Amino acid sequence: MGVAVSDEMGLTAQPVTTLVRTNRRQDARSLLRVIRKHACAAIVVGNPLYMSGDLSPQAAKAQAFADMLRQETGLPVHLWDERLTTTEAHRHLHASGLAGAEHKKVVDQVAAVLILQGYLDALAVREERDAQNS
């Protein structure tokens, strides 16, 4: 499970770590340590929808995980479409010159950065639009 955080202004996403998945409860505990360490104010969870936009079985699991995080942390938890982020992460890694065999170590972190950055960019657009309409 790739983990990324944003800067304090919420402008950019940076990779933090890749957590090895075990079970939902242990995954949550590991993630809670990262959340506390980085004093996170909100959480963005990748939502693996089908290409059609329909809910996949993995998306249902992601939503249940998001609900658990919401209950455990009391923080706002946002689901964000993660379709094709792993493919895009591989493209970025290939373009950076990293050998394909090395991708596995960091691809989930890069995908987490793409998910978080997409959320941050959309949030900035929404805030700008709201400011113009005020």
C-alpha atoms as a PDB file:
ATOM      1  CA  MET A   1       0.000   0.000   0.000  1.00  0.00           C
ATOM      2  CA  GLY A   2       1.689   3.201  -1.159  1.00  0.00           C
ATOM      3  CA  VAL A   3       1.565   6.186   1.173  1.00  0.00           C
ATOM      4  CA  ALA A   4       2.066   9.831   0.265  1.00  0.00           C
ATOM      5  CA  VAL A   5       1.602  13.096   2.159  1.00  0.00           C
ATOM      6  CA  SER A   6       1.170  16.683   1.073  1.00  0.00           C
ATOM      7  CA  ASP A   7       3.085  19.740   2.141  1.00  0.00           C
ATOM      8  CA  GLU A   8       1.461  21.943   4.798  1.00  0.00           C
ATOM      9  CA  MET A   9      -0.116  24.184   2.159  1.00  0.00           C
ATOM     10  CA  GLY A  10      -1.695  21.216   0.372  1.00  0.00           C
ATOM     11  CA  LEU A  11       0.005  21.977  -2.940  1.00  0.00           C
ATOM     12  CA  THR A  12       2.235  18.984  -3.619  1.00  0.00           C
ATOM     13  CA  ALA A  13       2.274  15.287  -2.809  1.00  0.00           C
ATOM     14  CA  GLN A  14       5.423  13.449  -1.769  1.00  0.00           C
ATOM     15  CA  PRO A  15       5.998   9.709  -1.334  1.00  0.00           C
ATOM     16  CA  VAL A  16       6.471   8.423   2.216  1.00  0.00           C
ATOM     17  CA  THR A  17       6.591   4.634   2.223  1.00  0.00           C
ATOM     18  CA  THR A  18       5.080   1.417   0.986  1.00  0.00           C
ATOM     19  CA  LEU A  19       3.300  -0.565   3.680  1.00  0.00           C
ATOM     20  CA  VAL A  20       3.219  -4.318   3.243  1.00  0.00           C
ATOM     21  CA  ARG A  21      -0.392  -5.472   3.355  1.00  0.00           C
ATOM     22  CA  THR A  22      -1.227  -8.125   5.947  1.00  0.00           C
ATOM     23  CA  ASN A  23      -4.824  -7.810   7.142  1.00  0.00           C
ATOM     24  CA  ARG A  24      -7.173  -4.872   7.335  1.00  0.00           C
ATOM     25  CA  ARG A  25      -6.717  -4.276  11.072  1.00  0.00           C
ATOM     26  CA  GLN A  26      -2.886  -4.438  10.914  1.00  0.00           C
ATOM     27  CA  ASP A  27      -2.869  -2.318   7.750  1.00  0.00           C
ATOM     28  CA  ALA A  28      -4.920   0.303   9.590  1.00  0.00           C
ATOM     29  CA  ARG A  29      -2.534   0.239  12.585  1.00  0.00           C
ATOM     30  CA  SER A  30       0.473   0.751  10.319  1.00  0.00           C
ATOM     31  CA  LEU A  31      -1.260   3.565   8.506  1.00  0.00           C
ATOM     32  CA  LEU A  32      -2.366   5.186  11.780  1.00  0.00           C
ATOM     33  CA  ARG A  33       1.290   5.408  12.846  1.00  0.00           C
ATOM     34  CA  VAL A  34       2.103   7.257   9.616  1.00  0.00           C
ATOM     35  CA  ILE A  35      -0.926   9.535  10.054  1.00  0.00           C
ATOM     36  CA  ARG A  36       0.160  10.481  13.577  1.00  0.00           C
ATOM     37  CA  LYS A  37       3.808  10.934  12.593  1.00  0.00           C
ATOM     38  CA  HIS A  38       2.875  13.364   9.818  1.00  0.00           C
ATOM     39  CA  ALA A  39       0.041  15.068  11.753  1.00  0.00           C
ATOM     40  CA  CYS A  40      -2.381  14.479   8.879  1.00  0.00           C
ATOM     41  CA  ALA A  41      -5.560  16.552   8.815  1.00  0.00           C
ATOM     42  CA  ALA A  42      -7.383  14.385   6.248  1.00  0.00           C
ATOM     43  CA  ILE A  43      -6.942  11.092   4.432  1.00  0.00           C
ATOM     44  CA  VAL A  44      -7.330  10.280   0.736  1.00  0.00           C
ATOM     45  CA  VAL A  45      -7.924   6.621  -0.143  1.00  0.00           C
ATOM     46  CA  GLY A  46      -7.593   5.325  -3.682  1.00  0.00           C
ATOM     47  CA  ASN A  47     -10.879   4.034  -5.046  1.00  0.00           C
ATOM     48  CA  PRO A  48     -10.217   1.270  -7.630  1.00  0.00           C
ATOM     49  CA  LEU A  49     -13.291   1.576  -9.817  1.00  0.00           C
ATOM     50  CA  TYR A  50     -13.813  -0.399 -12.997  1.00  0.00           C
ATOM     51  CA  MET A  51     -12.921   1.485 -16.191  1.00  0.00           C
ATOM     52  CA  SER A  52     -16.683   1.932 -16.704  1.00  0.00           C
ATOM     53  CA  GLY A  53     -16.845   3.815 -13.407  1.00  0.00           C
ATOM     54  CA  ASP A  54     -18.778   1.014 -11.730  1.00  0.00           C
ATOM     55  CA  LEU A  55     -17.890  -0.200  -8.268  1.00  0.00           C
ATOM     56  CA  SER A  56     -15.424  -3.104  -8.316  1.00  0.00           C
ATOM     57  CA  PRO A  57     -15.057  -5.653  -5.508  1.00  0.00           C
ATOM     58  CA  GLN A  58     -11.753  -3.953  -4.612  1.00  0.00           C
ATOM     59  CA  ALA A  59     -13.521  -0.578  -4.509  1.00  0.00           C
ATOM     60  CA  ALA A  60     -16.001  -1.973  -2.010  1.00  0.00           C
ATOM     61  CA  LYS A  61     -13.045  -3.105   0.137  1.00  0.00           C
ATOM     62  CA  ALA A  62     -11.410   0.319  -0.213  1.00  0.00           C
ATOM     63  CA  GLN A  63     -14.643   1.990   0.907  1.00  0.00           C
ATOM     64  CA  ALA A  64     -14.871  -0.296   3.941  1.00  0.00           C
ATOM     65  CA  PHE A  65     -11.225   0.505   4.753  1.00  0.00           C
ATOM     66  CA  ALA A  66     -11.961   4.228   4.389  1.00  0.00           C
ATOM     67  CA  ASP A  67     -14.924   3.886   6.765  1.00  0.00           C
ATOM     68  CA  MET A  68     -12.710   2.136   9.313  1.00  0.00           C
ATOM     69  CA  LEU A  69     -10.069   4.870   9.029  1.00  0.00           C
ATOM     70  CA  ARG A  70     -12.758   7.518   9.474  1.00  0.00           C
ATOM     71  CA  GLN A  71     -13.946   5.821  12.674  1.00  0.00           C
ATOM     72  CA  GLU A  72     -10.425   5.173  14.018  1.00  0.00           C
ATOM     73  CA  THR A  73      -9.047   8.660  13.350  1.00  0.00           C
ATOM     74  CA  GLY A  74     -12.042  10.992  13.409  1.00  0.00           C
ATOM     75  CA  LEU A  75     -10.477  12.618  10.332  1.00  0.00           C
ATOM     76  CA  PRO A  76     -12.220  13.337   7.040  1.00  0.00           C
ATOM     77  CA  VAL A  77     -11.552  10.474   4.617  1.00  0.00           C
ATOM     78  CA  HIS A  78     -11.991  11.070   0.891  1.00  0.00           C
ATOM     79  CA  LEU A  79     -12.178   8.361  -1.749  1.00  0.00           C
ATOM     80  CA  TRP A  80     -10.394   9.288  -4.969  1.00  0.00           C
ATOM     81  CA  ASP A  81     -10.553   7.510  -8.322  1.00  0.00           C
ATOM     82  CA  GLU A  82      -7.328   5.582  -8.810  1.00  0.00           C
ATOM     83  CA  ARG A  83      -8.006   4.129 -12.250  1.00  0.00           C
ATOM     84  CA  LEU A  84      -4.802   3.773 -14.281  1.00  0.00           C
ATOM     85  CA  THR A  85      -2.563   5.285 -11.571  1.00  0.00           C
ATOM     86  CA  THR A  86      -0.361   2.192 -11.386  1.00  0.00           C
ATOM     87  CA  THR A  87       0.028   2.221 -15.168  1.00  0.00           C
ATOM     88  CA  GLU A  88       0.884   5.934 -15.054  1.00  0.00           C
ATOM     89  CA  ALA A  89       3.311   5.303 -12.181  1.00  0.00           C
ATOM     90  CA  HIS A  90       5.132   2.680 -14.290  1.00  0.00           C
ATOM     91  CA  ARG A  91       5.324   5.208 -17.157  1.00  0.00           C
ATOM     92  CA  HIS A  92       6.868   7.834 -14.847  1.00  0.00           C
ATOM     93  CA  LEU A  93       9.368   5.324 -13.477  1.00  0.00           C
ATOM     94  CA  HIS A  94      10.309   4.140 -16.967  1.00  0.00           C
ATOM     95  CA  ALA A  95      10.718   7.757 -18.147  1.00  0.00           C
ATOM     96  CA  SER A  96      12.970   8.472 -15.157  1.00  0.00           C
ATOM     97  CA  GLY A  97      15.288   5.681 -16.319  1.00  0.00           C
ATOM     98  CA  LEU A  98      14.549   3.277 -13.476  1.00  0.00           C
ATOM     99  CA  ALA A  99      14.944  -0.327 -14.595  1.00  0.00           C
ATOM    100  CA  GLY A 100      11.687  -2.290 -14.811  1.00  0.00           C
ATOM    101  CA  ALA A 101      12.896  -4.733 -12.160  1.00  0.00           C
ATOM    102  CA  GLU A 102      13.252  -1.827  -9.720  1.00  0.00           C
ATOM    103  CA  HIS A 103       9.697  -0.539 -10.266  1.00  0.00           C
ATOM    104  CA  LYS A 104       8.130  -2.979  -7.792  1.00  0.00           C
ATOM    105  CA  LYS A 105       9.903  -1.324  -4.854  1.00  0.00           C
ATOM    106  CA  VAL A 106       8.395   2.116  -5.443  1.00  0.00           C
ATOM    107  CA  VAL A 107       5.473   1.853  -7.881  1.00  0.00           C
ATOM    108  CA  ASP A 108       2.847   1.930  -5.113  1.00  0.00           C
ATOM    109  CA  GLN A 109       4.412   5.076  -3.631  1.00  0.00           C
ATOM    110  CA  VAL A 110       4.415   6.778  -7.026  1.00  0.00           C
ATOM    111  CA  ALA A 111       0.780   5.747  -7.551  1.00  0.00           C
ATOM    112  CA  ALA A 112      -0.060   7.151  -4.082  1.00  0.00           C
ATOM    113  CA  VAL A 113       1.566  10.450  -5.083  1.00  0.00           C
ATOM    114  CA  LEU A 114      -0.505  10.523  -8.288  1.00  0.00           C
ATOM    115  CA  ILE A 115      -3.721   9.822  -6.375  1.00  0.00           C
ATOM    116  CA  LEU A 116      -3.025  12.477  -3.742  1.00  0.00           C
ATOM    117  CA  GLN A 117      -1.834  15.039  -6.288  1.00  0.00           C
ATOM    118  CA  GLY A 118      -4.992  14.492  -8.349  1.00  0.00           C
ATOM    119  CA  TYR A 119      -7.083  15.105  -5.241  1.00  0.00           C
ATOM    120  CA  LEU A 120      -5.078  18.219  -4.269  1.00  0.00           C
ATOM    121  CA  ASP A 121      -5.312  19.649  -7.800  1.00  0.00           C
ATOM    122  CA  ALA A 122      -9.080  19.102  -7.925  1.00  0.00           C
ATOM    123  CA  LEU A 123      -9.457  20.671  -4.483  1.00  0.00           C
ATOM    124  CA  ALA A 124      -7.480  23.746  -5.589  1.00  0.00           C
ATOM    125  CA  VAL A 125      -9.668  24.130  -8.699  1.00  0.00           C
ATOM    126  CA  ARG A 126     -12.822  23.805  -6.575  1.00  0.00           C
ATOM    127  CA  GLU A 127     -11.571  26.384  -4.066  1.00  0.00           C
ATOM    128  CA  GLU A 128     -10.637  28.803  -6.856  1.00  0.00           C
ATOM    129  CA  ARG A 129     -14.045  28.384  -8.491  1.00  0.00           C
ATOM    130  CA  ASP A 130     -15.795  28.900  -5.145  1.00  0.00           C
ATOM    131  CA  ALA A 131     -13.738  32.051  -4.508  1.00  0.00           C
ATOM    132  CA  GLN A 132     -14.699  33.446  -7.920  1.00  0.00           C
ATOM    133  CA  ASN A 133     -18.366  32.721  -7.259  1.00  0.00           C
ATOM    134  CA  SER A 134     -18.321  34.444  -3.857  1.00  0.00           C
END
